[in-house]
Protein backbone atom coordinates (compact mmCIF):
# COMPACT_ATOMS: atom_id res chain seq x y z
CA MET A 1 27.27 -4.38 -14.56
CA SER A 2 26.06 -6.15 -11.45
CA HIS A 3 22.99 -8.54 -10.57
CA ASP A 4 21.51 -5.91 -8.32
CA ALA A 5 21.76 -3.07 -11.40
CA ILE A 6 20.03 -5.56 -13.81
CA ILE A 7 17.23 -6.23 -11.16
CA ASN A 8 16.72 -2.48 -10.67
CA ALA A 9 16.42 -1.81 -14.54
CA LEU A 10 13.84 -4.80 -14.61
CA LYS A 11 11.61 -2.99 -11.75
CA SER A 12 10.90 -0.56 -14.64
CA VAL A 13 8.93 -3.08 -16.82
CA LYS A 14 5.37 -3.35 -16.04
CA TYR A 15 3.00 -6.44 -16.34
CA PRO A 16 0.47 -5.72 -19.06
CA GLY A 17 -2.32 -4.30 -17.47
CA TYR A 18 -0.87 -4.11 -13.71
CA SER A 19 0.74 -1.00 -12.06
CA ARG A 20 3.06 -3.71 -10.72
CA ASP A 21 6.48 -4.37 -12.29
CA ILE A 22 7.65 -7.80 -12.89
CA VAL A 23 10.35 -8.04 -10.15
CA SER A 24 7.66 -7.40 -7.44
CA PHE A 25 5.39 -10.25 -9.14
CA GLY A 26 8.33 -12.68 -8.73
CA LEU A 27 8.60 -13.27 -12.53
CA VAL A 28 12.07 -12.60 -12.71
CA LYS A 29 13.98 -16.18 -12.22
CA ASN A 30 17.59 -16.02 -13.11
CA VAL A 31 19.97 -13.20 -13.84
CA ALA A 32 23.43 -13.45 -15.15
CA VAL A 33 26.13 -11.00 -16.18
CA ASN A 34 29.30 -11.70 -17.64
CA ASN A 35 31.67 -9.18 -19.99
CA GLY A 36 28.77 -6.79 -20.87
CA ALA A 37 26.11 -9.52 -21.82
CA ALA A 38 23.30 -10.07 -19.53
CA SER A 39 21.05 -12.92 -19.61
CA VAL A 40 17.55 -13.03 -17.65
CA SER A 41 14.95 -15.50 -17.26
CA ILE A 42 11.28 -14.82 -17.00
CA GLU A 43 8.65 -17.35 -16.02
CA LEU A 44 4.86 -16.71 -16.60
CA SER A 45 2.00 -18.79 -15.16
CA VAL A 46 -0.20 -17.98 -18.03
CA ALA A 47 0.48 -18.84 -21.75
CA ASN A 48 -0.12 -15.47 -23.48
CA PRO A 49 2.20 -14.98 -26.52
CA GLU A 50 1.36 -11.53 -26.80
CA VAL A 51 2.19 -10.65 -23.02
CA ALA A 52 5.45 -12.92 -23.29
CA GLN A 53 6.42 -10.75 -26.41
CA GLN A 54 5.80 -7.45 -24.76
CA LEU A 55 7.76 -8.40 -21.95
CA LYS A 56 10.63 -9.68 -23.76
CA SER A 57 11.05 -6.56 -25.67
CA ASP A 58 10.51 -4.06 -22.85
CA ALA A 59 12.91 -6.12 -20.78
CA GLU A 60 15.53 -5.76 -23.50
CA THR A 61 15.11 -2.22 -23.70
CA ALA A 62 15.40 -1.88 -19.80
CA ILE A 63 18.48 -4.05 -19.53
CA LYS A 64 20.24 -2.37 -22.31
CA SER A 65 19.67 1.27 -20.64
CA VAL A 66 22.05 -0.23 -17.82
CA PRO A 67 25.67 1.19 -18.21
CA GLY A 68 28.13 -1.38 -19.69
CA ILE A 69 25.76 -3.74 -20.99
CA LYS A 70 26.00 -4.28 -24.68
CA LEU A 71 24.13 -7.45 -25.35
CA ALA A 72 20.77 -8.68 -23.55
CA HIS A 73 19.55 -12.24 -23.90
CA ILE A 74 15.82 -12.65 -22.54
CA GLU A 75 14.15 -15.88 -22.15
CA VAL A 76 10.55 -15.91 -21.40
CA LYS A 77 8.92 -19.25 -20.08
CA MET A 78 5.41 -19.72 -20.29
CA PRO A 79 3.32 -23.04 -19.47
CA ALA A 80 2.29 -25.56 -22.29
CA SER A 81 -1.50 -24.37 -21.76
CA SER A 82 -3.42 -22.09 -19.73
CA ALA A 83 -7.07 -23.40 -19.47
CA ARG A 84 -7.80 -20.78 -16.53
CA ALA A 85 -7.08 -17.29 -15.76
CA THR A 86 -4.01 -16.69 -13.43
CA ALA A 87 -2.25 -14.05 -11.78
CA PRO A 88 1.38 -12.91 -12.94
CA GLY A 89 3.09 -14.61 -10.30
CA ALA A 90 0.64 -17.44 -9.20
CA SER A 91 0.78 -21.06 -9.29
CA GLY A 92 -1.85 -23.75 -9.09
CA PRO A 93 -5.45 -22.55 -8.58
CA ASP A 94 -5.56 -18.77 -8.66
CA PRO A 95 -7.03 -16.78 -5.85
CA TRP A 96 -6.20 -13.92 -7.61
CA ALA A 97 -8.23 -14.37 -10.87
CA GLN A 98 -10.49 -11.67 -10.27
CA GLN A 99 -7.92 -8.97 -9.51
CA ASN A 100 -8.61 -6.10 -11.57
CA LYS A 101 -7.36 -2.31 -11.74
CA VAL A 102 -9.68 0.40 -10.85
CA PRO A 103 -10.02 2.75 -13.61
CA GLY A 104 -8.92 6.24 -12.72
CA ILE A 105 -6.90 5.19 -9.74
CA ALA A 106 -2.88 5.56 -10.43
CA ARG A 107 -1.79 3.91 -7.18
CA ILE A 108 -3.17 1.96 -4.12
CA ILE A 109 -1.25 2.16 -1.15
CA ALA A 110 -2.54 -0.14 1.71
CA VAL A 111 -1.81 1.07 5.46
CA ALA A 112 -1.40 -1.66 7.56
CA SER A 113 -0.10 -2.76 11.21
CA GLY A 114 0.60 -6.13 12.84
CA LYS A 115 -1.42 -5.24 15.92
CA GLY A 116 -4.11 -2.66 16.91
CA GLY A 117 -3.44 0.37 18.86
CA VAL A 118 -0.25 1.42 17.09
CA GLY A 119 -2.08 4.70 15.58
CA LYS A 120 -2.51 2.96 11.96
CA SER A 121 -5.78 4.85 11.32
CA THR A 122 -4.22 8.33 12.57
CA CYS A 123 -1.54 7.68 10.35
CA SER A 124 -3.73 6.87 7.44
CA VAL A 125 -6.00 10.18 7.80
CA ASN A 126 -2.84 12.72 8.17
CA LEU A 127 -0.92 10.95 5.23
CA ALA A 128 -4.23 11.49 3.07
CA CYS A 129 -4.53 14.79 4.11
CA ALA A 130 -0.75 15.45 3.69
CA LEU A 131 -0.75 13.94 0.09
CA LYS A 132 -3.97 16.56 -0.58
CA ARG A 133 -1.96 19.59 0.57
CA MET A 134 0.72 18.49 -1.84
CA GLY A 135 -1.53 19.18 -4.54
CA ARG A 136 -2.48 15.33 -5.22
CA GLU A 137 -5.90 13.82 -5.57
CA VAL A 138 -6.57 11.32 -3.00
CA GLY A 139 -9.09 8.87 -1.72
CA LEU A 140 -9.27 7.14 1.43
CA LEU A 141 -10.71 3.54 2.05
CA ASP A 142 -11.71 2.25 5.49
CA CYS A 143 -11.09 -1.42 5.15
CA ASP A 144 -11.81 -1.98 8.94
CA ILE A 145 -15.23 -3.53 8.75
CA TYR A 146 -15.52 -4.61 11.98
CA GLY A 147 -14.31 -1.41 13.50
CA PRO A 148 -14.66 1.79 11.18
CA SER A 149 -12.91 4.75 12.75
CA ILE A 150 -12.19 6.77 9.65
CA PRO A 151 -15.65 8.63 9.66
CA LEU A 152 -14.86 9.95 13.29
CA MET A 153 -11.41 10.82 12.28
CA MET A 154 -12.30 12.90 9.35
CA GLY A 155 -15.33 14.36 10.75
CA ILE A 156 -17.97 13.14 8.34
CA ARG A 157 -21.06 10.74 8.82
CA GLN A 158 -22.43 11.33 5.37
CA ARG A 159 -24.03 8.69 3.55
CA PRO A 160 -22.57 8.22 -0.33
CA THR A 161 -25.25 8.78 -3.04
CA ILE A 162 -25.85 6.64 -5.87
CA SER A 163 -24.64 7.70 -9.47
CA PRO A 164 -26.88 7.28 -12.59
CA GLU A 165 -24.35 4.37 -13.15
CA GLN A 166 -25.61 2.88 -10.00
CA LYS A 167 -22.11 3.18 -8.37
CA MET A 168 -21.58 4.77 -4.79
CA VAL A 169 -20.29 8.29 -5.08
CA PRO A 170 -18.01 8.40 -1.94
CA PRO A 171 -18.54 11.78 0.23
CA ALA A 172 -15.68 13.88 0.71
CA ASN A 173 -13.87 16.12 3.55
CA TYR A 174 -10.96 18.21 3.35
CA GLY A 175 -10.60 17.37 -0.32
CA VAL A 176 -10.29 13.72 0.29
CA LYS A 177 -12.84 11.05 -0.99
CA LEU A 178 -13.76 8.62 1.55
CA MET A 179 -15.48 5.44 1.74
CA SER A 180 -16.07 3.63 5.03
CA MET A 181 -18.51 0.69 6.44
CA GLY A 182 -19.04 3.16 8.96
CA PHE A 183 -21.27 5.47 6.30
CA LEU A 184 -23.32 2.58 5.75
CA LEU A 185 -24.15 1.74 9.34
CA ASP A 186 -26.70 3.35 11.96
CA GLY A 187 -25.13 4.53 14.91
CA ASP A 188 -23.19 1.77 17.06
CA GLN A 189 -24.70 -1.11 14.83
CA PRO A 190 -22.08 -3.80 14.93
CA VAL A 191 -21.05 -6.00 11.96
CA ILE A 192 -21.07 -9.61 12.69
CA TRP A 193 -20.02 -11.16 9.36
CA ARG A 194 -18.08 -14.39 8.54
CA GLY A 195 -15.16 -14.15 5.47
CA PRO A 196 -17.13 -14.50 2.51
CA MET A 197 -18.93 -11.24 3.31
CA ILE A 198 -15.94 -9.29 4.09
CA MET A 199 -14.70 -10.30 1.17
CA LYS A 200 -17.75 -9.13 -1.07
CA THR A 201 -17.91 -5.91 0.63
CA VAL A 202 -13.91 -5.08 -0.18
CA GLN A 203 -14.64 -5.69 -3.47
CA GLN A 204 -17.57 -3.56 -3.64
CA PHE A 205 -15.51 -0.93 -2.08
CA PHE A 206 -13.31 -1.05 -5.23
CA HIS A 207 -15.44 -1.78 -8.11
CA SER A 208 -18.90 -0.41 -7.02
CA VAL A 209 -17.82 3.04 -5.72
CA ASP A 210 -17.35 5.93 -8.26
CA TRP A 211 -13.98 7.16 -7.09
CA GLY A 212 -13.26 9.36 -10.05
CA ARG A 213 -9.50 10.14 -11.32
CA LEU A 214 -7.09 9.83 -8.08
CA ASP A 215 -3.46 9.79 -7.72
CA TYR A 216 -3.39 8.06 -4.63
CA LEU A 217 -6.05 5.70 -3.03
CA LEU A 218 -4.84 4.84 0.71
CA VAL A 219 -6.55 1.75 2.09
CA ASP A 220 -6.49 1.70 6.15
CA LEU A 221 -6.53 -1.97 6.91
CA PRO A 222 -7.60 -3.56 10.27
CA PRO A 223 -5.11 -5.11 12.42
CA GLY A 224 -3.41 -8.29 11.79
CA THR A 225 -3.45 -10.46 8.59
CA GLY A 226 -7.14 -11.70 8.22
CA ASP A 227 -9.84 -11.73 5.81
CA ALA A 228 -9.73 -7.73 4.85
CA GLN A 229 -6.09 -8.19 4.01
CA LEU A 230 -6.35 -11.44 2.06
CA SER A 231 -9.53 -9.89 0.12
CA LEU A 232 -7.65 -6.47 -0.60
CA CYS A 233 -4.75 -8.52 -1.98
CA GLN A 234 -7.11 -10.69 -4.09
CA THR A 235 -9.04 -7.54 -5.46
CA VAL A 236 -6.68 -5.21 -6.78
CA PRO A 237 -3.14 -5.25 -7.68
CA LEU A 238 -1.42 -3.12 -5.07
CA ASP A 239 1.15 -0.45 -5.50
CA GLY A 240 2.72 -1.29 -2.19
CA GLY A 241 2.24 -1.55 1.58
CA VAL A 242 3.00 0.72 4.69
CA ILE A 243 3.76 -0.65 7.88
CA VAL A 244 2.90 1.23 11.06
CA THR A 245 4.43 0.32 14.36
CA THR A 246 5.38 1.28 17.55
CA PRO A 247 9.02 0.92 18.78
CA GLN A 248 8.46 -1.83 21.34
CA GLU A 249 9.12 -5.38 20.81
CA ALA A 250 5.53 -6.46 21.40
CA SER A 251 4.51 -4.34 18.37
CA LEU A 252 7.84 -4.98 16.07
CA GLY A 253 7.03 -9.02 16.58
CA VAL A 254 3.65 -8.77 14.83
CA VAL A 255 4.96 -6.11 12.46
CA ARG A 256 7.06 -8.97 10.75
CA LYS A 257 4.16 -11.19 10.12
CA GLY A 258 2.54 -8.38 8.42
CA ILE A 259 5.64 -7.80 6.43
CA GLY A 260 5.76 -11.54 5.67
CA MET A 261 2.12 -11.25 4.39
CA PHE A 262 2.80 -8.57 1.83
CA GLU A 263 5.87 -10.79 0.88
CA LYS A 264 4.09 -13.67 0.11
CA VAL A 265 1.56 -12.11 -2.26
CA ASN A 266 4.43 -9.85 -3.92
CA VAL A 267 3.16 -6.90 -2.66
CA PRO A 268 6.27 -4.18 -2.08
CA ILE A 269 6.92 -2.63 1.27
CA LEU A 270 7.03 0.82 0.53
CA GLY A 271 8.37 1.42 4.05
CA ILE A 272 7.94 1.49 8.19
CA ILE A 273 6.85 4.31 10.18
CA GLU A 274 7.60 4.22 13.63
CA ASN A 275 4.49 6.05 15.60
CA MET A 276 4.51 7.35 19.31
CA SER A 277 8.20 7.37 18.97
CA TYR A 278 8.65 9.38 22.29
CA PHE A 279 6.80 12.12 24.32
CA THR A 280 8.65 15.47 25.27
CA THR A 281 7.47 16.76 28.31
CA PRO A 282 6.28 20.79 28.85
CA THR A 283 9.78 21.13 30.55
CA GLY A 284 11.46 19.89 27.36
CA GLU A 285 12.46 16.17 28.88
CA ARG A 286 12.23 13.34 26.35
CA VAL A 287 10.80 10.36 27.50
CA GLU A 288 10.63 7.23 25.32
CA ILE A 289 7.48 5.75 26.58
CA PHE A 290 7.52 2.81 24.25
CA GLY A 291 11.22 2.40 23.73
CA HIS A 292 12.88 4.30 20.81
CA GLY A 293 14.40 3.09 17.33
CA GLY A 294 12.53 -0.39 17.01
CA GLY A 295 11.14 0.86 13.81
CA ARG A 296 14.34 1.89 12.15
CA THR A 297 16.25 -0.94 13.23
CA GLU A 298 13.59 -3.56 12.13
CA ALA A 299 13.69 -1.42 8.49
CA THR A 300 17.31 -2.07 8.41
CA ARG A 301 17.06 -5.55 9.31
CA LYS A 302 14.24 -6.25 6.50
CA ASN A 303 16.02 -4.25 4.18
CA VAL A 304 13.07 -1.95 3.78
CA PRO A 305 12.88 1.89 3.77
CA PHE A 306 12.06 3.90 6.92
CA LEU A 307 9.57 6.56 6.29
CA GLY A 308 9.82 8.42 9.49
CA GLU A 309 9.26 8.54 12.89
CA MET A 310 6.29 10.39 14.78
CA PRO A 311 6.25 11.36 18.39
CA ILE A 312 3.51 11.54 20.76
CA PHE A 313 2.00 14.98 20.50
CA THR A 314 -1.42 15.72 22.34
CA GLU A 315 -2.68 17.45 19.75
CA ILE A 316 -2.99 14.66 17.25
CA ARG A 317 -5.12 12.76 19.41
CA LEU A 318 -7.48 15.55 20.07
CA ALA A 319 -7.53 16.27 16.22
CA GLY A 320 -8.51 13.14 15.60
CA ASP A 321 -11.49 12.87 18.20
CA GLN A 322 -12.64 16.40 16.73
CA GLY A 323 -12.73 15.08 13.43
CA GLN A 324 -10.17 17.30 11.94
CA PRO A 325 -6.71 15.62 11.21
CA VAL A 326 -3.80 17.87 12.81
CA VAL A 327 -2.58 18.26 9.06
CA VAL A 328 -5.72 20.09 8.41
CA SER A 329 -6.51 21.90 11.86
CA GLU A 330 -2.59 22.90 12.60
CA PRO A 331 -0.70 22.67 9.28
CA GLN A 332 2.24 24.54 10.59
CA SER A 333 2.94 22.45 13.95
CA PRO A 334 5.61 20.25 14.48
CA ALA A 335 3.07 17.30 14.36
CA ALA A 336 1.59 18.07 11.15
CA GLN A 337 5.19 18.73 9.64
CA GLY A 338 6.02 15.25 10.63
CA PHE A 339 3.19 14.03 8.53
CA MET A 340 4.17 16.03 5.74
CA GLU A 341 7.82 14.90 5.64
CA ILE A 342 6.47 11.14 5.88
CA ALA A 343 4.12 11.59 2.87
CA GLU A 344 6.95 13.47 0.89
CA ALA A 345 9.26 10.30 1.84
CA LEU A 346 6.44 7.93 0.53
CA GLU A 347 5.93 10.03 -2.58
CA ALA A 348 9.70 9.73 -3.23
CA ARG A 349 9.63 5.97 -2.71
CA LEU A 350 7.04 5.52 -5.04
CA LYS A 351 8.67 7.49 -7.65
CA SER A 352 12.23 5.61 -7.41
């Protein structure tokens, strides 16, 4: 009958119309447990009696499922009025007012890194293909507007077609539906845009693309915490973020900023992947080029899951350059199996 048990139970309560729970939205403010009775305070930023009543009922049911709890008192607080639309956990003018679920997409997961060069896109394409091999319907959105690399790594340059409903139909390869700025550019044409154009493009990639039914849409973000990241969080409710890092402190230092960004917008961290963890020479010698274990240590320090480590495999780089992710080209190789294990850990985390 601990505080943590109540919080874990409340994580099953989804905010109406969203795939996120009221804990990750930051709506649960006070929890008290005493002699089999639990008291919970939920604070909303929008005055909607129907939402308040549903959350009160759902929260009471969730709490009473906790062993030892016989009585649940739920208090739902609302502002006196709500003249404008606000996001579930927002206060003041709300930049998330246009955040809407994408019909047909069960879960949206952002793959991020604090800095470039850590293999984030490589992890994105291989995780997408791994989830597809597990029998899931998968899409992969390249949100790196300035430097799109998904078309190269997935071996496709096909422009999207237009549906009768005037939506872009994403091309697919290896069973994964794809969308990227790279499909809309000619050759090495650069994108020289300011922030508002980035936000508009990200919005269109979600709401002007006919994604169909997907179990997972992975979003490959550019490095850092800039316009694309903020636009993504403002456009759709994310089910979580995956952080890719290399072991050394130079990478981990900026990873903390990426984690901080997700925390500020109430996006749960699904886990950390340590890429380029070590290299094994042909003679069997293990060389820790960038150090080792930093990703796991950081996951422990931040109390988030560690999804796994990926050693340096030459075949991963070759497969990416040839447009055939290693999970597709060499599915039985140790490299491919490493990505499969991470994909399984990610799905287990989402179901927990």
